[in-house]
Every structure is written in C-alpha cells, then in structure tokens.
Amino acid sequence: MATITFDTLEFTRKLRDAGFDEKQAEAVVRVLSESQDNLVTREHFDAKIELLRADNSHTRWMLGVLTALAIANFAKQFF
C-alpha cells in the first residue's frame, strides 16, 4: 500500500501555530495518517479496468444475441 511520509510533529506544530489547541491538532494529524490506508493507487485502477473489460465482453456478447433475435423477429414478420 502506498503511503505518504510526513513529519507528524511538524504538522502538529503548524496546526497549533495556526490556532488549533493541542488535542485538535493531534486529532487532525491522526485522522490524516489513518486516511492514508484508503488512498487509491494505480493498482486499484488497473484492477477495476480488468473487471470492466471482463464485464464489457459479456455485455457485447449479450448485445449480439439480442440484436440477432431482433433481426430474426423482424425478418419473420416480412418473410
């Protein structure tokens, strides 16, 4: 899993300098650190694309069958 490395102590100090109290600054830093576990990476996109390609092949197959049925039904009415 990809993570972003940052200095949590420095970030906490900057938040305190901006007006956050100690507990608020620590909570913001903790939430930011924990949220890195949910970052979307290139591997996530590649996996989703593979799933979409697999679904797409099924969709094309079903669309072909439905088109053939519609053409057969249309031809049946006139011939």
Foldseek 3Di string as FASTA:
>chain_A
DDADDDDLVVQLVVVVVVPDDNVVSNVVSVVVRVCRVVDDDPVNVVVVVVVVVVVVVVVVVVVVVVVVVVVVVVVVVVD
